[in-house]
Amino acid sequence: YPIAVLCVAFIVTGILLVKVVPVFANTFSSFGANLPAFTLFV
């Protein structure tokens, strides 16, 4: 049970990092403002 849930969690996280976060990155590039450290890390 825990192994299956954690595997799903990492897969979902990977999809978010590869597909979803770049969309936000393109939006942030038009702001021209300094981004928070946590956002820059992600």
PDB file of all heavy atoms in Angstrom:
ATOM      1  N   TYR A   1       0.813  -1.218   0.000  1.00  0.00           N
ATOM      2  CA  TYR A   1       0.000   0.000   0.000  1.00  0.00           C
ATOM      3  C   TYR A   1       0.850   1.273   0.000  1.00  0.00           C
ATOM      4  O   TYR A   1       0.673   2.136  -0.867  1.00  0.00           O
ATOM      5  CB  TYR A   1      -0.965  -0.026   1.184  1.00  0.00           C
ATOM      6  CG  TYR A   1      -1.770   1.243   1.361  1.00  0.00           C
ATOM      7  CD1 TYR A   1      -2.727   1.611   0.419  1.00  0.00           C
ATOM      8  CD2 TYR A   1      -1.570   2.073   2.459  1.00  0.00           C
ATOM      9  CE1 TYR A   1      -3.464   2.776   0.574  1.00  0.00           C
ATOM     10  CE2 TYR A   1      -2.295   3.239   2.624  1.00  0.00           C
ATOM     11  CZ  TYR A   1      -3.242   3.581   1.684  1.00  0.00           C
ATOM     12  OH  TYR A   1      -3.966   4.738   1.827  1.00  0.00           O
ATOM     13  N   PRO A   2       1.777   1.445   0.959  1.00  0.00           N
ATOM     14  CA  PRO A   2       2.567   2.688   0.942  1.00  0.00           C
ATOM     15  C   PRO A   2       3.445   2.832  -0.292  1.00  0.00           C
ATOM     16  O   PRO A   2       3.605   3.944  -0.821  1.00  0.00           O
ATOM     17  CB  PRO A   2       3.420   2.595   2.215  1.00  0.00           C
ATOM     18  CG  PRO A   2       3.428   1.158   2.586  1.00  0.00           C
ATOM     19  CD  PRO A   2       2.134   0.610   2.122  1.00  0.00           C
ATOM     20  N   ILE A   3       4.025   1.720  -0.768  1.00  0.00           N
ATOM     21  CA  ILE A   3       4.875   1.785  -1.962  1.00  0.00           C
ATOM     22  C   ILE A   3       4.055   2.220  -3.175  1.00  0.00           C
ATOM     23  O   ILE A   3       4.495   3.064  -3.966  1.00  0.00           O
ATOM     24  CB  ILE A   3       5.564   0.422  -2.211  1.00  0.00           C
ATOM     25  CG1 ILE A   3       6.615   0.160  -1.130  1.00  0.00           C
ATOM     26  CG2 ILE A   3       6.221   0.390  -3.585  1.00  0.00           C
ATOM     27  CD1 ILE A   3       7.214  -1.226  -1.174  1.00  0.00           C
ATOM     28  N   ALA A   4       2.847   1.657  -3.320  1.00  0.00           N
ATOM     29  CA  ALA A   4       1.990   2.002  -4.456  1.00  0.00           C
ATOM     30  C   ALA A   4       1.597   3.481  -4.413  1.00  0.00           C
ATOM     31  O   ALA A   4       1.643   4.184  -5.435  1.00  0.00           O
ATOM     32  CB  ALA A   4       0.750   1.114  -4.461  1.00  0.00           C
ATOM     33  N   VAL A   5       1.206   3.964  -3.228  1.00  0.00           N
ATOM     34  CA  VAL A   5       0.788   5.367  -3.091  1.00  0.00           C
ATOM     35  C   VAL A   5       1.952   6.317  -3.371  1.00  0.00           C
ATOM     36  O   VAL A   5       1.798   7.330  -4.060  1.00  0.00           O
ATOM     37  CB  VAL A   5       0.196   5.616  -1.693  1.00  0.00           C
ATOM     38  CG1 VAL A   5      -0.087   7.093  -1.491  1.00  0.00           C
ATOM     39  CG2 VAL A   5      -1.080   4.817  -1.497  1.00  0.00           C
ATOM     40  N   LEU A   6       3.122   6.003  -2.842  1.00  0.00           N
ATOM     41  CA  LEU A   6       4.285   6.866  -3.064  1.00  0.00           C
ATOM     42  C   LEU A   6       4.709   6.872  -4.533  1.00  0.00           C
ATOM     43  O   LEU A   6       5.119   7.916  -5.058  1.00  0.00           O
ATOM     44  CB  LEU A   6       5.446   6.421  -2.173  1.00  0.00           C
ATOM     45  CG  LEU A   6       5.262   6.676  -0.663  1.00  0.00           C
ATOM     46  CD1 LEU A   6       6.433   6.103   0.124  1.00  0.00           C
ATOM     47  CD2 LEU A   6       5.125   8.166  -0.386  1.00  0.00           C
ATOM     48  N   CYS A   7       4.621   5.713  -5.192  1.00  0.00           N
ATOM     49  CA  CYS A   7       4.934   5.662  -6.623  1.00  0.00           C
ATOM     50  C   CYS A   7       3.990   6.565  -7.424  1.00  0.00           C
ATOM     51  O   CYS A   7       4.429   7.312  -8.303  1.00  0.00           O
ATOM     52  CB  CYS A   7       4.848   4.222  -7.137  1.00  0.00           C
ATOM     53  SG  CYS A   7       6.222   3.165  -6.619  1.00  0.00           S
ATOM     54  N   VAL A   8       2.696   6.494  -7.092  1.00  0.00           N
ATOM     55  CA  VAL A   8       1.716   7.353  -7.760  1.00  0.00           C
ATOM     56  C   VAL A   8       2.014   8.830  -7.482  1.00  0.00           C
ATOM     57  O   VAL A   8       1.925   9.689  -8.373  1.00  0.00           O
ATOM     58  CB  VAL A   8       0.291   6.984  -7.314  1.00  0.00           C
ATOM     59  CG1 VAL A   8      -0.715   8.012  -7.831  1.00  0.00           C
ATOM     60  CG2 VAL A   8      -0.090   5.597  -7.804  1.00  0.00           C
ATOM     61  N   ALA A   9       2.407   9.119  -6.239  1.00  0.00           N
ATOM     62  CA  ALA A   9       2.715  10.502  -5.866  1.00  0.00           C
ATOM     63  C   ALA A   9       3.891  11.047  -6.671  1.00  0.00           C
ATOM     64  O   ALA A   9       3.848  12.184  -7.165  1.00  0.00           O
ATOM     65  CB  ALA A   9       3.020  10.585  -4.370  1.00  0.00           C
ATOM     66  N   PHE A  10       4.933  10.247  -6.815  1.00  0.00           N
ATOM     67  CA  PHE A  10       6.099  10.698  -7.571  1.00  0.00           C
ATOM     68  C   PHE A  10       5.795  10.826  -9.066  1.00  0.00           C
ATOM     69  O   PHE A  10       6.327  11.708  -9.740  1.00  0.00           O
ATOM     70  CB  PHE A  10       7.277   9.759  -7.333  1.00  0.00           C
ATOM     71  CG  PHE A  10       7.949   9.958  -6.003  1.00  0.00           C
ATOM     72  CD1 PHE A  10       7.912   8.968  -5.034  1.00  0.00           C
ATOM     73  CD2 PHE A  10       8.594  11.144  -5.712  1.00  0.00           C
ATOM     74  CE1 PHE A  10       8.515   9.160  -3.798  1.00  0.00           C
ATOM     75  CE2 PHE A  10       9.199  11.349  -4.468  1.00  0.00           C
ATOM     76  CZ  PHE A  10       9.156  10.352  -3.512  1.00  0.00           C
ATOM     77  N   ILE A  11       4.943   9.932  -9.588  1.00  0.00           N
ATOM     78  CA  ILE A  11       4.548  10.039 -10.995  1.00  0.00           C
ATOM     79  C   ILE A  11       3.762  11.333 -11.233  1.00  0.00           C
ATOM     80  O   ILE A  11       4.011  12.057 -12.199  1.00  0.00           O
ATOM     81  CB  ILE A  11       3.731   8.803 -11.420  1.00  0.00           C
ATOM     82  CG1 ILE A  11       4.620   7.561 -11.458  1.00  0.00           C
ATOM     83  CG2 ILE A  11       3.085   9.035 -12.785  1.00  0.00           C
ATOM     84  CD1 ILE A  11       3.858   6.260 -11.644  1.00  0.00           C
ATOM     85  N   VAL A  12       2.813  11.607 -10.336  1.00  0.00           N
ATOM     86  CA  VAL A  12       2.018  12.840 -10.455  1.00  0.00           C
ATOM     87  C   VAL A  12       2.921  14.067 -10.342  1.00  0.00           C
ATOM     88  O   VAL A  12       2.780  15.042 -11.101  1.00  0.00           O
ATOM     89  CB  VAL A  12       0.915  12.860  -9.382  1.00  0.00           C
ATOM     90  CG1 VAL A  12       0.226  14.229  -9.344  1.00  0.00           C
ATOM     91  CG2 VAL A  12      -0.108  11.771  -9.655  1.00  0.00           C
ATOM     92  N   THR A  13       3.864  14.025  -9.399  1.00  0.00           N
ATOM     93  CA  THR A  13       4.800  15.138  -9.237  1.00  0.00           C
ATOM     94  C   THR A  13       5.637  15.344 -10.500  1.00  0.00           C
ATOM     95  O   THR A  13       5.860  16.482 -10.935  1.00  0.00           O
ATOM     96  CB  THR A  13       5.716  14.881  -8.028  1.00  0.00           C
ATOM     97  OG1 THR A  13       4.918  14.666  -6.859  1.00  0.00           O
ATOM     98  CG2 THR A  13       6.638  16.063  -7.797  1.00  0.00           C
ATOM     99  N   GLY A  14       6.098  14.235 -11.090  1.00  0.00           N
ATOM    100  CA  GLY A  14       6.875  14.323 -12.325  1.00  0.00           C
ATOM    101  C   GLY A  14       6.080  14.943 -13.460  1.00  0.00           C
ATOM    102  O   GLY A  14       6.604  15.776 -14.214  1.00  0.00           O
ATOM    103  N   ILE A  15       4.810  14.542 -13.586  1.00  0.00           N
ATOM    104  CA  ILE A  15       3.956  15.110 -14.642  1.00  0.00           C
ATOM    105  C   ILE A  15       3.742  16.605 -14.425  1.00  0.00           C
ATOM    106  O   ILE A  15       3.793  17.402 -15.364  1.00  0.00           O
ATOM    107  CB  ILE A  15       2.610  14.356 -14.688  1.00  0.00           C
ATOM    108  CG1 ILE A  15       2.829  12.914 -15.154  1.00  0.00           C
ATOM    109  CG2 ILE A  15       1.628  15.060 -15.625  1.00  0.00           C
ATOM    110  CD1 ILE A  15       1.607  12.035 -15.039  1.00  0.00           C
ATOM    111  N   LEU A  16       3.532  16.995 -13.167  1.00  0.00           N
ATOM    112  CA  LEU A  16       3.353  18.415 -12.857  1.00  0.00           C
ATOM    113  C   LEU A  16       4.614  19.221 -13.196  1.00  0.00           C
ATOM    114  O   LEU A  16       4.530  20.326 -13.754  1.00  0.00           O
ATOM    115  CB  LEU A  16       3.002  18.594 -11.386  1.00  0.00           C
ATOM    116  CG  LEU A  16       1.605  18.117 -10.945  1.00  0.00           C
ATOM    117  CD1 LEU A  16       1.468  18.234  -9.429  1.00  0.00           C
ATOM    118  CD2 LEU A  16       0.509  18.923 -11.632  1.00  0.00           C
ATOM    119  N   LEU A  17       5.779  18.668 -12.877  1.00  0.00           N
ATOM    120  CA  LEU A  17       7.032  19.376 -13.141  1.00  0.00           C
ATOM    121  C   LEU A  17       7.321  19.500 -14.638  1.00  0.00           C
ATOM    122  O   LEU A  17       7.831  20.528 -15.089  1.00  0.00           O
ATOM    123  CB  LEU A  17       8.200  18.662 -12.445  1.00  0.00           C
ATOM    124  CG  LEU A  17       8.271  18.780 -10.924  1.00  0.00           C
ATOM    125  CD1 LEU A  17       9.366  17.883 -10.367  1.00  0.00           C
ATOM    126  CD2 LEU A  17       8.513  20.221 -10.494  1.00  0.00           C
ATOM    127  N   VAL A  18       6.969  18.476 -15.403  1.00  0.00           N
ATOM    128  CA  VAL A  18       7.302  18.448 -16.826  1.00  0.00           C
ATOM    129  C   VAL A  18       6.253  19.172 -17.668  1.00  0.00           C
ATOM    130  O   VAL A  18       6.589  19.854 -18.642  1.00  0.00           O
ATOM    131  CB  VAL A  18       7.484  16.993 -17.310  1.00  0.00           C
ATOM    132  CG1 VAL A  18       7.713  16.944 -18.826  1.00  0.00           C
ATOM    133  CG2 VAL A  18       8.664  16.342 -16.608  1.00  0.00           C
ATOM    134  N   LYS A  19       4.963  19.081 -17.291  1.00  0.00           N
ATOM    135  CA  LYS A  19       3.889  19.604 -18.140  1.00  0.00           C
ATOM    136  C   LYS A  19       3.207  20.861 -17.607  1.00  0.00           C
ATOM    137  O   LYS A  19       2.873  21.765 -18.375  1.00  0.00           O
ATOM    138  CB  LYS A  19       2.823  18.511 -18.346  1.00  0.00           C
ATOM    139  CG  LYS A  19       3.340  17.268 -19.070  1.00  0.00           C
ATOM    140  CD  LYS A  19       3.725  17.574 -20.506  1.00  0.00           C
ATOM    141  CE  LYS A  19       4.159  16.306 -21.253  1.00  0.00           C
ATOM    142  NZ  LYS A  19       4.562  16.639 -22.664  1.00  0.00           N
ATOM    143  N   VAL A  20       2.976  20.929 -16.305  1.00  0.00           N
ATOM    144  CA  VAL A  20       2.180  22.017 -15.749  1.00  0.00           C
ATOM    145  C   VAL A  20       3.031  23.232 -15.374  1.00  0.00           C
ATOM    146  O   VAL A  20       2.697  24.374 -15.709  1.00  0.00           O
ATOM    147  CB  VAL A  20       1.379  21.514 -14.522  1.00  0.00           C
ATOM    148  CG1 VAL A  20       0.554  22.664 -13.919  1.00  0.00           C
ATOM    149  CG2 VAL A  20       0.465  20.358 -14.912  1.00  0.00           C
ATOM    150  N   VAL A  21       4.125  22.997 -14.667  1.00  0.00           N
ATOM    151  CA  VAL A  21       4.974  24.096 -14.206  1.00  0.00           C
ATOM    152  C   VAL A  21       5.502  24.964 -15.363  1.00  0.00           C
ATOM    153  O   VAL A  21       5.539  26.197 -15.239  1.00  0.00           O
ATOM    154  CB  VAL A  21       6.130  23.561 -13.334  1.00  0.00           C
ATOM    155  CG1 VAL A  21       7.106  24.681 -12.968  1.00  0.00           C
ATOM    156  CG2 VAL A  21       5.574  22.924 -12.059  1.00  0.00           C
ATOM    157  N   PRO A  22       5.924  24.385 -16.521  1.00  0.00           N
ATOM    158  CA  PRO A  22       6.371  25.239 -17.634  1.00  0.00           C
ATOM    159  C   PRO A  22       5.312  26.236 -18.105  1.00  0.00           C
ATOM    160  O   PRO A  22       5.654  27.335 -18.546  1.00  0.00           O
ATOM    161  CB  PRO A  22       6.706  24.225 -18.738  1.00  0.00           C
ATOM    162  CG  PRO A  22       7.069  22.980 -18.006  1.00  0.00           C
ATOM    163  CD  PRO A  22       6.177  22.960 -16.814  1.00  0.00           C
ATOM    164  N   VAL A  23       4.023  25.887 -18.019  1.00  0.00           N
ATOM    165  CA  VAL A  23       2.951  26.824 -18.396  1.00  0.00           C
ATOM    166  C   VAL A  23       2.965  28.030 -17.465  1.00  0.00           C
ATOM    167  O   VAL A  23       2.861  29.188 -17.897  1.00  0.00           O
ATOM    168  CB  VAL A  23       1.584  26.112 -18.363  1.00  0.00           C
ATOM    169  CG1 VAL A  23       0.467  27.099 -18.681  1.00  0.00           C
ATOM    170  CG2 VAL A  23       1.566  24.943 -19.345  1.00  0.00           C
ATOM    171  N   PHE A  24       3.095  27.785 -16.165  1.00  0.00           N
ATOM    172  CA  PHE A  24       3.202  28.882 -15.205  1.00  0.00           C
ATOM    173  C   PHE A  24       4.473  29.693 -15.439  1.00  0.00           C
ATOM    174  O   PHE A  24       4.483  30.914 -15.275  1.00  0.00           O
ATOM    175  CB  PHE A  24       3.185  28.331 -13.777  1.00  0.00           C
ATOM    176  CG  PHE A  24       1.824  27.952 -13.284  1.00  0.00           C
ATOM    177  CD1 PHE A  24       1.344  26.664 -13.435  1.00  0.00           C
ATOM    178  CD2 PHE A  24       1.012  28.886 -12.663  1.00  0.00           C
ATOM    179  CE1 PHE A  24       0.088  26.303 -12.977  1.00  0.00           C
ATOM    180  CE2 PHE A  24      -0.249  28.548 -12.201  1.00  0.00           C
ATOM    181  CZ  PHE A  24      -0.722  27.241 -12.359  1.00  0.00           C
ATOM    182  N   ALA A  25       5.563  29.013 -15.809  1.00  0.00           N
ATOM    183  CA  ALA A  25       6.836  29.702 -16.046  1.00  0.00           C
ATOM    184  C   ALA A  25       6.711  30.709 -17.189  1.00  0.00           C
ATOM    185  O   ALA A  25       7.238  31.833 -17.106  1.00  0.00           O
ATOM    186  CB  ALA A  25       7.943  28.687 -16.339  1.00  0.00           C
ATOM    187  N   ASN A  26       6.014  30.315 -18.246  1.00  0.00           N
ATOM    188  CA  ASN A  26       5.794  31.239 -19.368  1.00  0.00           C
ATOM    189  C   ASN A  26       4.959  32.451 -18.942  1.00  0.00           C
ATOM    190  O   ASN A  26       5.193  33.573 -19.395  1.00  0.00           O
ATOM    191  CB  ASN A  26       5.109  30.511 -20.522  1.00  0.00           C
ATOM    192  CG  ASN A  26       6.000  29.453 -21.148  1.00  0.00           C
ATOM    193  OD1 ASN A  26       7.226  29.561 -21.131  1.00  0.00           O
ATOM    194  ND2 ASN A  26       5.388  28.392 -21.698  1.00  0.00           N
ATOM    195  N   THR A  27       4.007  32.210 -18.083  1.00  0.00           N
ATOM    196  CA  THR A  27       3.176  33.314 -17.585  1.00  0.00           C
ATOM    197  C   THR A  27       3.996  34.276 -16.723  1.00  0.00           C
ATOM    198  O   THR A  27       3.878  35.493 -16.820  1.00  0.00           O
ATOM    199  CB  THR A  27       1.993  32.745 -16.780  1.00  0.00           C
ATOM    200  OG1 THR A  27       1.271  31.802 -17.582  1.00  0.00           O
ATOM    201  CG2 THR A  27       1.055  33.869 -16.342  1.00  0.00           C
ATOM    202  N   PHE A  28       4.856  33.691 -15.843  1.00  0.00           N
ATOM    203  CA  PHE A  28       5.665  34.516 -14.944  1.00  0.00           C
ATOM    204  C   PHE A  28       6.698  35.358 -15.695  1.00  0.00           C
ATOM    205  O   PHE A  28       7.086  36.432 -15.229  1.00  0.00           O
ATOM    206  CB  PHE A  28       6.380  33.639 -13.907  1.00  0.00           C
ATOM    207  CG  PHE A  28       5.447  32.889 -12.994  1.00  0.00           C
ATOM    208  CD1 PHE A  28       5.837  31.690 -12.405  1.00  0.00           C
ATOM    209  CD2 PHE A  28       4.177  33.380 -12.709  1.00  0.00           C
ATOM    210  CE1 PHE A  28       4.993  30.988 -11.575  1.00  0.00           C
ATOM    211  CE2 PHE A  28       3.317  32.683 -11.864  1.00  0.00           C
ATOM    212  CZ  PHE A  28       3.720  31.485 -11.312  1.00  0.00           C
ATOM    213  N   SER A  29       7.156  34.860 -16.846  1.00  0.00           N
ATOM    214  CA  SER A  29       8.178  35.591 -17.606  1.00  0.00           C
ATOM    215  C   SER A  29       7.666  36.940 -18.108  1.00  0.00           C
ATOM    216  O   SER A  29       8.450  37.853 -18.342  1.00  0.00           O
ATOM    217  CB  SER A  29       8.664  34.736 -18.781  1.00  0.00           C
ATOM    218  OG  SER A  29       7.605  34.479 -19.691  1.00  0.00           O
ATOM    219  N   SER A  30       6.340  37.068 -18.267  1.00  0.00           N
ATOM    220  CA  SER A  30       5.751  38.335 -18.728  1.00  0.00           C
ATOM    221  C   SER A  30       5.509  39.332 -17.605  1.00  0.00           C
ATOM    222  O   SER A  30       5.177  40.482 -17.864  1.00  0.00           O
ATOM    223  CB  SER A  30       4.441  38.064 -19.476  1.00  0.00           C
ATOM    224  OG  SER A  30       3.486  37.477 -18.601  1.00  0.00           O
ATOM    225  N   PHE A  31       5.667  38.887 -16.349  1.00  0.00           N
ATOM    226  CA  PHE A  31       5.433  39.768 -15.220  1.00  0.00           C
ATOM    227  C   PHE A  31       6.532  40.807 -15.071  1.00  0.00           C
ATOM    228  O   PHE A  31       6.276  41.982 -14.741  1.00  0.00           O
ATOM    229  CB  PHE A  31       5.313  38.962 -13.921  1.00  0.00           C
ATOM    230  CG  PHE A  31       4.031  38.188 -13.788  1.00  0.00           C
ATOM    231  CD1 PHE A  31       3.815  37.354 -12.711  1.00  0.00           C
ATOM    232  CD2 PHE A  31       3.027  38.304 -14.730  1.00  0.00           C
ATOM    233  CE1 PHE A  31       2.650  36.614 -12.583  1.00  0.00           C
ATOM    234  CE2 PHE A  31       1.844  37.588 -14.605  1.00  0.00           C
ATOM    235  CZ  PHE A  31       1.664  36.734 -13.539  1.00  0.00           C
ATOM    236  N   GLY A  32       7.751  40.364 -15.313  1.00  0.00           N
ATOM    237  CA  GLY A  32       8.891  41.268 -15.152  1.00  0.00           C
ATOM    238  C   GLY A  32       9.216  41.608 -13.719  1.00  0.00           C
ATOM    239  O   GLY A  32       9.957  42.552 -13.458  1.00  0.00           O
ATOM    240  N   ALA A  33       8.655  40.859 -12.770  1.00  0.00           N
ATOM    241  CA  ALA A  33       8.913  41.101 -11.350  1.00  0.00           C
ATOM    242  C   ALA A  33       9.770  39.979 -10.778  1.00  0.00           C
ATOM    243  O   ALA A  33       9.883  38.899 -11.365  1.00  0.00           O
ATOM    244  CB  ALA A  33       7.594  41.205 -10.591  1.00  0.00           C
ATOM    245  N   ASN A  34      10.403  40.263  -9.601  1.00  0.00           N
ATOM    246  CA  ASN A  34      11.197  39.236  -8.932  1.00  0.00           C
ATOM    247  C   ASN A  34      10.281  38.163  -8.350  1.00  0.00           C
ATOM    248  O   ASN A  34       9.296  38.473  -7.678  1.00  0.00           O
ATOM    249  CB  ASN A  34      12.031  39.863  -7.816  1.00  0.00           C
ATOM    250  CG  ASN A  34      13.109  40.791  -8.363  1.00  0.00           C
ATOM    251  OD1 ASN A  34      13.648  40.566  -9.449  1.00  0.00           O
ATOM    252  ND2 ASN A  34      13.429  41.847  -7.610  1.00  0.00           N
ATOM    253  N   LEU A  35      10.644  36.894  -8.598  1.00  0.00           N
ATOM    254  CA  LEU A  35       9.840  35.777  -8.116  1.00  0.00           C
ATOM    255  C   LEU A  35      10.317  35.330  -6.747  1.00  0.00           C
ATOM    256  O   LEU A  35      11.499  35.479  -6.417  1.00  0.00           O
ATOM    257  CB  LEU A  35       9.913  34.601  -9.109  1.00  0.00           C
ATOM    258  CG  LEU A  35       9.370  34.870 -10.522  1.00  0.00           C
ATOM    259  CD1 LEU A  35       9.632  33.659 -11.427  1.00  0.00           C
ATOM    260  CD2 LEU A  35       7.879  35.163 -10.497  1.00  0.00           C
ATOM    261  N   PRO A  36       9.413  34.750  -5.926  1.00  0.00           N
ATOM    262  CA  PRO A  36       9.827  34.223  -4.615  1.00  0.00           C
ATOM    263  C   PRO A  36      10.860  33.106  -4.755  1.00  0.00           C
ATOM    264  O   PRO A  36      10.908  32.414  -5.784  1.00  0.00           O
ATOM    265  CB  PRO A  36       8.521  33.693  -4.024  1.00  0.00           C
ATOM    266  CG  PRO A  36       7.431  34.381  -4.769  1.00  0.00           C
ATOM    267  CD  PRO A  36       7.954  34.641  -6.144  1.00  0.00           C
ATOM    268  N   ALA A  37      11.654  32.942  -3.712  1.00  0.00           N
ATOM    269  CA  ALA A  37      12.720  31.934  -3.735  1.00  0.00           C
ATOM    270  C   ALA A  37      12.154  30.528  -3.926  1.00  0.00           C
ATOM    271  O   ALA A  37      12.722  29.698  -4.654  1.00  0.00           O
ATOM    272  CB  ALA A  37      13.524  32.009  -2.445  1.00  0.00           C
ATOM    273  N   PHE A  38      11.034  30.242  -3.264  1.00  0.00           N
ATOM    274  CA  PHE A  38      10.419  28.917  -3.384  1.00  0.00           C
ATOM    275  C   PHE A  38       9.968  28.650  -4.825  1.00  0.00           C
ATOM    276  O   PHE A  38      10.157  27.555  -5.362  1.00  0.00           O
ATOM    277  CB  PHE A  38       9.239  28.811  -2.420  1.00  0.00           C
ATOM    278  CG  PHE A  38       8.648  27.430  -2.321  1.00  0.00           C
ATOM    279  CD1 PHE A  38       9.433  26.284  -2.443  1.00  0.00           C
ATOM    280  CD2 PHE A  38       7.274  27.253  -2.120  1.00  0.00           C
ATOM    281  CE1 PHE A  38       8.874  25.013  -2.356  1.00  0.00           C
ATOM    282  CE2 PHE A  38       6.717  25.988  -2.030  1.00  0.00           C
ATOM    283  CZ  PHE A  38       7.522  24.865  -2.158  1.00  0.00           C
ATOM    284  N   THR A  39       9.403  29.670  -5.468  1.00  0.00           N
ATOM    285  CA  THR A  39       8.965  29.526  -6.856  1.00  0.00           C
ATOM    286  C   THR A  39      10.153  29.304  -7.785  1.00  0.00           C
ATOM    287  O   THR A  39      10.099  28.484  -8.699  1.00  0.00           O
ATOM    288  CB  THR A  39       8.173  30.762  -7.294  1.00  0.00           C
ATOM    289  OG1 THR A  39       7.069  30.969  -6.399  1.00  0.00           O
ATOM    290  CG2 THR A  39       7.628  30.601  -8.704  1.00  0.00           C
ATOM    291  N   LEU A  40      11.242  30.062  -7.556  1.00  0.00           N
ATOM    292  CA  LEU A  40      12.453  29.880  -8.364  1.00  0.00           C
ATOM    293  C   LEU A  40      13.023  28.475  -8.209  1.00  0.00           C
ATOM    294  O   LEU A  40      13.480  27.866  -9.172  1.00  0.00           O
ATOM    295  CB  LEU A  40      13.506  30.924  -7.961  1.00  0.00           C
ATOM    296  CG  LEU A  40      13.218  32.380  -8.381  1.00  0.00           C
ATOM    297  CD1 LEU A  40      14.242  33.318  -7.772  1.00  0.00           C
ATOM    298  CD2 LEU A  40      13.212  32.503  -9.910  1.00  0.00           C
ATOM    299  N   PHE A  41      12.983  27.965  -6.975  1.00  0.00           N
ATOM    300  CA  PHE A  41      13.466  26.592  -6.728  1.00  0.00           C
ATOM    301  C   PHE A  41      12.656  25.563  -7.533  1.00  0.00           C
ATOM    302  O   PHE A  41      13.217  24.662  -8.161  1.00  0.00           O
ATOM    303  CB  PHE A  41      13.392  26.288  -5.228  1.00  0.00           C
ATOM    304  CG  PHE A  41      13.624  24.840  -4.893  1.00  0.00           C
ATOM    305  CD1 PHE A  41      14.898  24.297  -4.955  1.00  0.00           C
ATOM    306  CD2 PHE A  41      12.550  24.009  -4.546  1.00  0.00           C
ATOM    307  CE1 PHE A  41      15.110  22.957  -4.660  1.00  0.00           C
ATOM    308  CE2 PHE A  41      12.757  22.674  -4.255  1.00  0.00           C
ATOM    309  CZ  PHE A  41      14.027  22.145  -4.308  1.00  0.00           C
ATOM    310  N   VAL A  42      11.332  25.714  -7.542  1.00  0.00           N
ATOM    311  CA  VAL A  42      10.463  24.787  -8.272  1.00  0.00           C
ATOM    312  C   VAL A  42      10.676  24.921  -9.780  1.00  0.00           C
ATOM    313  O   VAL A  42      10.693  23.923 -10.509  1.00  0.00           O
ATOM    314  CB  VAL A  42       8.989  25.018  -7.897  1.00  0.00           C
ATOM    315  CG1 VAL A  42       8.062  24.191  -8.792  1.00  0.00           C
ATOM    316  CG2 VAL A  42       8.746  24.649  -6.442  1.00  0.00           C
TER     317      VAL A  42
END
